[in-house]
Protein backbone atom coordinates (compact mmCIF):
# COMPACT_ATOMS: atom_id res chain seq x y z
CA MET A 1 -20.56 10.25 -3.74
CA ILE A 2 -20.48 10.05 0.06
CA TYR A 3 -18.84 13.13 2.17
CA LEU A 4 -18.57 13.07 5.67
CA GLU A 5 -16.91 15.58 8.37
CA ASN A 6 -14.67 14.88 11.26
CA PHE A 7 -13.99 11.19 9.95
CA ASN A 8 -11.90 9.14 12.06
CA LEU A 9 -9.47 7.08 9.82
CA LYS A 10 -8.83 4.58 12.31
CA GLU A 11 -10.44 1.36 9.88
CA TYR A 12 -8.89 3.17 6.90
CA ASN A 13 -5.40 2.75 7.81
CA ALA A 14 -3.46 -0.67 8.71
CA TYR A 15 -1.92 0.77 11.81
CA GLN A 16 -5.31 1.25 13.10
CA ILE A 17 -4.08 4.94 14.33
CA GLU A 18 -6.50 7.00 15.72
CA ALA A 19 -6.62 10.15 13.31
CA VAL A 20 -9.41 12.60 12.36
CA CYS A 21 -9.68 14.47 9.10
CA LYS A 22 -11.69 17.54 8.53
CA LYS A 23 -13.37 15.89 5.51
CA ALA A 24 -13.58 12.58 3.95
CA TYR A 25 -14.88 12.06 0.24
CA PHE A 26 -15.89 8.69 -0.89
CA PRO A 27 -15.63 9.01 -4.70
CA GLU A 28 -17.66 5.65 -6.90
CA SER A 29 -16.29 6.84 -10.54
CA GLU A 30 -13.39 8.37 -12.38
CA ASN A 31 -15.83 11.25 -12.81
CA ASP A 32 -16.21 11.62 -9.12
CA ILE A 33 -12.59 11.86 -8.85
CA ILE A 34 -11.77 14.11 -11.40
CA HIS A 35 -14.80 16.59 -10.26
CA LEU A 36 -13.06 16.33 -6.82
CA LEU A 37 -9.69 17.23 -8.12
CA ASN A 38 -10.88 20.09 -9.75
CA LYS A 39 -13.10 21.29 -6.52
CA LEU A 40 -9.53 20.75 -4.53
CA LYS A 41 -7.35 22.19 -7.03
CA TYR A 42 -6.17 24.93 -4.88
CA THR A 43 -6.34 22.76 -1.66
CA ASN A 44 -3.94 20.59 0.09
CA PHE A 45 -5.59 16.89 0.10
CA HIS A 46 -4.69 13.25 0.73
CA ILE A 47 -5.65 10.32 -0.73
CA LEU A 48 -6.08 6.74 0.76
CA GLY A 49 -6.42 3.36 -0.66
CA ASN A 50 -6.19 0.20 1.38
CA GLY A 51 -4.40 2.10 4.05
CA ASN A 52 -1.44 0.07 4.03
CA ASN A 53 2.03 1.06 3.80
CA ILE A 54 1.35 4.37 5.19
CA ILE A 55 1.75 6.03 8.44
CA LEU A 56 -0.67 8.89 9.84
CA ALA A 57 1.66 11.21 11.77
CA LYS A 58 -0.94 13.48 13.05
CA ASP A 59 -4.05 13.21 15.33
CA TYR A 60 -6.12 15.84 13.34
CA TYR A 61 -5.79 16.67 9.48
CA ASP A 62 -7.29 20.16 8.81
CA VAL A 63 -7.22 18.78 5.07
CA PRO A 64 -9.51 16.58 3.18
CA PHE A 65 -9.08 12.90 2.36
CA ILE A 66 -10.29 11.00 -0.63
CA ILE A 67 -10.81 7.32 -0.02
CA LEU A 68 -10.99 4.94 -2.56
CA ASN A 69 -11.40 1.62 -0.54
CA LYS A 70 -14.46 0.04 -0.69
CA CYS A 71 -15.91 2.22 -3.20
CA PHE A 72 -13.89 2.83 -6.58
CA ASP A 73 -13.06 -0.79 -6.75
CA ASN A 74 -15.10 -2.34 -9.65
CA ILE A 75 -13.33 -5.40 -11.54
CA SER A 76 -14.25 -6.67 -15.04
CA ILE A 77 -12.67 -8.39 -18.44
CA GLU A 78 -11.63 -5.97 -20.88
CA ASP A 79 -10.30 -6.89 -24.25
CA GLY A 80 -9.20 -10.16 -22.71
CA MET A 81 -7.42 -8.19 -19.79
CA ILE A 82 -8.78 -7.89 -16.23
CA ALA A 83 -9.49 -4.26 -15.53
CA VAL A 84 -9.51 -2.95 -12.05
CA GLU A 85 -10.05 0.43 -10.34
CA SER A 86 -7.48 1.44 -8.37
CA GLY A 87 -9.22 0.96 -4.84
CA ALA A 88 -9.83 -2.44 -5.32
CA THR A 89 -7.83 -4.75 -3.18
CA LEU A 90 -5.07 -7.16 -4.09
CA LYS A 91 -7.12 -9.90 -2.71
CA SER A 92 -10.18 -9.08 -4.56
CA ILE A 93 -8.70 -9.09 -8.05
CA CYS A 94 -6.90 -12.53 -7.01
CA THR A 95 -10.15 -14.01 -6.16
CA PHE A 96 -11.83 -12.39 -9.35
CA ALA A 97 -8.69 -14.09 -11.34
CA LEU A 98 -9.40 -17.61 -9.62
CA ARG A 99 -13.12 -17.43 -10.72
CA LYS A 100 -12.37 -16.97 -14.34
CA GLU A 101 -9.55 -19.42 -14.12
CA LEU A 102 -6.56 -17.06 -14.47
CA THR A 103 -3.04 -17.51 -13.22
CA GLY A 104 -0.42 -14.88 -12.58
CA LEU A 105 -1.24 -12.88 -9.47
CA GLU A 106 -1.27 -15.80 -6.80
CA GLU A 107 1.76 -14.33 -4.80
CA PHE A 108 -0.34 -11.21 -4.25
CA TYR A 109 -3.45 -12.62 -2.89
CA ASP A 110 -2.65 -11.88 0.91
CA ILE A 111 -0.82 -8.57 0.24
CA PRO A 112 -2.90 -6.26 2.25
CA SER A 113 -3.00 -3.29 -0.56
CA SER A 114 -5.29 -1.55 -3.07
CA VAL A 115 -4.25 -2.19 -6.68
CA GLY A 116 -3.47 1.68 -6.80
CA GLY A 117 -0.94 1.47 -4.02
CA ALA A 118 0.72 -1.72 -5.37
CA ILE A 119 1.67 -0.04 -8.60
CA VAL A 120 2.65 3.03 -6.48
CA MET A 121 5.33 0.98 -4.88
CA ASN A 122 5.51 -1.90 -7.09
CA ALA A 123 4.64 -4.15 -4.22
CA GLY A 124 5.89 -7.81 -4.53
CA ASN A 125 8.48 -10.47 -3.14
CA ASP A 126 11.65 -12.19 -4.40
CA LYS A 127 9.34 -14.32 -6.91
CA SER A 128 7.52 -11.54 -8.77
CA GLU A 129 6.31 -7.85 -8.72
CA ILE A 130 3.28 -6.00 -9.68
CA LYS A 131 4.72 -4.98 -12.97
CA ASP A 132 5.20 -8.37 -14.08
CA THR A 133 1.55 -8.85 -15.32
CA LEU A 134 0.51 -5.23 -15.61
CA ILE A 135 0.02 -4.08 -19.16
CA LYS A 136 -1.13 -0.39 -18.68
CA VAL A 137 -2.47 2.30 -16.31
CA ARG A 138 -4.94 5.06 -16.70
CA TYR A 139 -4.12 8.00 -14.40
CA VAL A 140 -4.91 11.72 -13.92
CA ASP A 141 -2.54 14.51 -12.97
CA SER A 142 -4.18 16.12 -10.30
CA VAL A 143 -2.59 19.71 -11.19
CA SER A 144 -3.95 19.83 -14.74
CA GLY A 145 -6.79 17.80 -14.53
CA ASP A 146 -5.69 15.69 -17.54
CA VAL A 147 -6.29 11.98 -18.02
CA HIS A 148 -3.54 9.97 -19.38
CA GLU A 149 -2.70 6.26 -19.88
CA LYS A 150 0.86 4.86 -19.85
CA LEU A 151 2.12 1.19 -20.79
CA THR A 152 4.18 -0.71 -18.21
CA GLU A 153 7.53 0.09 -19.82
CA GLU A 154 6.76 4.21 -19.36
CA ILE A 155 6.21 3.86 -15.79
CA GLU A 156 9.79 3.56 -14.70
CA PHE A 157 9.37 0.78 -12.23
CA SER A 158 12.18 -0.40 -9.69
CA TYR A 159 12.62 -1.90 -6.42
CA ARG A 160 9.53 -0.60 -4.47
CA ASN A 161 9.56 2.33 -6.70
CA SER A 162 7.71 3.68 -9.91
CA LEU A 163 6.97 6.93 -11.72
CA PHE A 164 3.68 7.55 -9.70
CA GLN A 165 6.17 7.17 -6.36
CA GLN A 166 8.32 9.92 -7.64
CA ASN A 167 5.34 11.99 -8.83
CA LYS A 168 2.73 12.65 -6.17
CA GLU A 169 0.45 14.53 -8.40
CA LEU A 170 -0.33 11.44 -10.62
CA ILE A 171 -3.31 9.61 -9.39
CA ILE A 172 -3.86 6.20 -10.68
CA LEU A 173 -7.36 5.66 -11.62
CA LYS A 174 -7.23 2.16 -13.37
CA ALA A 175 -5.19 -0.62 -14.76
CA TRP A 176 -5.27 -3.68 -16.93
CA PHE A 177 -3.45 -6.82 -16.26
CA LYS A 178 -2.82 -9.69 -18.75
CA LEU A 179 -3.11 -13.41 -17.27
CA LEU A 180 -2.86 -16.78 -18.44
CA GLY A 181 -5.41 -19.45 -18.51
CA GLY A 182 -4.96 -21.89 -15.57
CA ASN A 183 -6.05 -24.83 -13.41
CA VAL A 184 -8.37 -23.70 -10.58
CA TYR A 185 -7.25 -26.15 -8.25
CA ASP A 186 -3.58 -25.31 -8.77
CA ILE A 187 -4.46 -21.58 -8.68
CA ASN A 188 -6.05 -21.77 -5.54
CA LYS A 189 -3.19 -23.79 -3.98
CA ARG A 190 -0.57 -21.27 -4.78
CA MET A 191 -2.61 -18.41 -3.08
CA GLN A 192 -3.12 -20.51 0.00
CA GLU A 193 0.52 -21.46 -0.03
CA SER A 194 1.42 -17.61 -0.30
CA LYS A 195 -0.78 -16.76 2.24
CA ARG A 196 0.46 -19.43 4.61
CA LYS A 197 4.04 -18.29 4.01
CA ARG A 198 3.11 -14.61 4.91
CA TRP A 199 1.18 -15.63 8.13
CA LEU A 200 4.15 -17.87 9.33
CA LYS A 201 6.91 -14.84 9.01
CA GLN A 202 4.64 -11.76 9.17
CA PRO A 203 2.95 -10.64 12.64
CA ARG A 204 -0.66 -10.33 11.02
CA GLU A 205 -2.16 -11.08 14.43
CA LEU A 206 -1.55 -7.62 15.12
CA PRO A 207 -2.24 -4.25 13.27
CA ASN A 208 0.60 -3.29 11.18
CA SER A 209 1.53 -1.49 7.82
CA GLY A 210 3.89 -4.12 6.18
CA SER A 211 7.48 -4.07 5.82
CA VAL A 212 8.77 -0.92 7.36
CA PHE A 213 12.18 -0.26 5.49
CA LYS A 214 13.50 -1.14 2.22
CA ARG A 215 16.15 -3.73 2.08
CA PRO A 216 19.62 -2.17 1.59
CA GLU A 217 21.90 -3.78 -0.68
CA GLY A 218 23.51 -7.13 0.46
CA LYS A 219 21.89 -6.77 3.69
CA TYR A 220 18.53 -7.70 5.12
CA VAL A 221 16.57 -5.29 7.58
CA GLY A 222 15.32 -8.12 10.17
CA PRO A 223 18.90 -9.68 11.09
CA MET A 224 20.38 -6.33 11.22
CA LEU A 225 17.83 -5.30 13.99
CA ASP A 226 17.95 -8.70 15.73
CA GLU A 227 21.68 -8.27 16.01
CA LEU A 228 20.93 -4.86 17.79
CA GLY A 229 18.43 -6.20 20.10
CA PHE A 230 15.24 -4.21 18.82
CA LYS A 231 12.83 -7.26 19.12
CA GLY A 232 10.04 -5.94 21.36
CA PHE A 233 11.55 -2.26 21.49
CA THR A 234 8.61 -0.23 22.30
CA ILE A 235 7.74 3.37 22.37
CA GLY A 236 4.00 3.97 23.59
CA GLY A 237 2.01 1.70 21.73
CA ALA A 238 4.29 0.94 18.92
CA GLN A 239 6.45 -2.11 19.01
CA ILE A 240 9.39 -3.71 17.08
CA SER A 241 7.39 -7.22 16.34
CA LYS A 242 8.53 -9.99 18.13
CA LYS A 243 7.79 -12.34 15.59
CA HIS A 244 9.68 -10.42 12.59
CA SER A 245 11.97 -7.33 13.42
CA GLY A 246 11.39 -5.75 9.97
CA PHE A 247 7.63 -4.71 11.15
CA ILE A 248 6.41 -2.37 13.56
CA VAL A 249 2.86 -3.56 15.33
CA ASN A 250 0.51 -1.49 17.10
CA VAL A 251 0.24 -3.29 20.94
CA GLY A 252 -2.46 -0.62 21.89
CA ASN A 253 -3.36 2.71 20.95
CA ALA A 254 -0.21 3.71 18.92
CA THR A 255 -0.06 7.25 17.54
CA GLY A 256 2.07 8.07 14.40
CA ARG A 257 4.30 9.80 16.67
CA ASP A 258 5.00 6.29 18.71
CA VAL A 259 5.84 4.77 15.25
CA LEU A 260 8.01 7.50 13.92
CA GLY A 261 9.83 7.44 17.20
CA VAL A 262 10.59 3.65 16.62
CA ILE A 263 11.80 4.28 13.14
CA ASN A 264 14.06 6.96 14.34
CA GLU A 265 15.65 5.19 16.85
CA VAL A 266 16.08 2.10 14.69
CA GLN A 267 17.82 4.62 11.92
CA LEU A 268 20.02 6.20 14.33
CA ARG A 269 21.28 2.67 15.98
CA VAL A 270 21.44 1.01 12.46
CA LYS A 271 23.68 3.89 11.07
CA LYS A 272 26.06 4.10 13.98
CA HIS A 273 26.60 0.48 13.87
CA PHE A 274 26.44 -0.75 10.45
CA GLY A 275 27.18 2.70 8.61
CA ILE A 276 23.88 2.36 6.83
CA ASP A 277 21.22 4.63 6.13
CA LEU A 278 17.91 2.75 6.13
CA GLU A 279 15.10 4.02 3.91
CA VAL A 280 11.43 4.05 5.17
CA GLU A 281 9.36 2.04 2.56
CA GLN A 282 6.14 3.40 4.15
CA ARG A 283 4.66 6.65 3.08
CA VAL A 284 4.42 9.31 6.04
CA ILE A 285 1.37 11.62 5.82
CA TYR A 286 1.74 14.61 7.48
């Protein structure tokens, strides 16, 4: 297991915010993670998957980070299911499924998230959510150190929410998905179409961490912000995307404070104009 001090997290968060942590651990197995949790039992720490859907609010963290991306990411076939470690990206599991001629995950191909992060927030779109093909999850309770498994119906999924979202001490280790056999050409066609649609609508050309706000009932965030003239609104290096107002992009050396400043201004004005309390979809790490 690799361990580094004063580690720059810029390449490990989708906003590409410059932030340094005192220590960074890169576990390569479940045993590494469980050992780390025991070692850090009485210490505050943070866990990063693919670094999407998060905001690093500080320039320096005097606490360790456990980073799962690019190290805890094995994918295999077990008992007719795809078994995947939580640090694997959605893109990698979709590519694996394509090679095995398995269908059911095409809509997730170009979502820049780790499998663990996608399960925590029940990632998806208007066609499907990650829970739809998920069978079970293995996780560790970082307080007790106990390892458990839960079936999908026990995880309390809802719109961009889950049991793991509500209980931060539960850390996903592995997940199993049940897919159906399919045609390689058709699977790849759906994957590429999903990617095309996202690149058409989303500001993929600039660093961003995905959709910023949860969709309020009966409304869409983008049109509300357009009505208020927010496109291009900027604080420091953080800007409401000119392509899609539901996204904040890093147009140059944005800090976490810049991103949070934009969010705060949006929430204040949406509340004043529409009477709606916008809920942030992204996790803020303080």
